Amino acid sequence: MPNYEVLRIGHRPERDKRITTHVALTARAFGASKIYLSNPDSRVVSSVEEVVKKFGGNFSIVPISNPKGLVKSSTSQIIHLTMFGLPIDEKIKEIGNNDKDVLFIVGAEKVPAWVFEYSDYNISIGNQPHSEVAALAIAINSLTSGSYNKEFKGKLSVVPSATHREMKGSG
């Protein structure tokens, strides 16, 4: 299975702290190995690191000052998730027909034009305004045919239940 990474471009500290945190947590939960943050926010970093510490997994946050350089030098498939892209259903087989690693790009604000230019695929999850968290989850789920569910070895784990909340371990 390919390795998934995420590049978050344009974090706006007051407006985006929860969304950027949720992008990172979704990336982790769906099996990505890391997220690159072009404008790291210490609150986001500490929140995500705390989840990784408690719930396990090999997920890291990498601050990056030159996102364009990262994208240009990447050997992964570059998939920009944008409402302006081609529908994922039209491209998913083409994207998934190789074992290349994937670097997803999600923007917080209007992304620079070079993102469209350097991406192998500009993909939409519907051509309407929507959450980048939802777009990332749907994209990974589509690429993995729903088999993203991986086991994390952490101090805490959730015990699935239809009727109540239950955790195992100590955090």
Foldseek 3Di string as FASTA:
>chain_A
DAAEEEEEPDDDVPPCLVQVLLLQVLCQQLHHQEYEYCDDDVVSQVVNVVCCQAQNDRYYYHYDNCVVVCLVPDPAQEEEEDLPFAECVVCLCVNLVDRGHYYYYYYPDDDDPVSVVSHPGHYYNHNDDDRPSVSVNVSSCSSVVNPSRDHGDGQKDWDDDPPDTDIDGDD
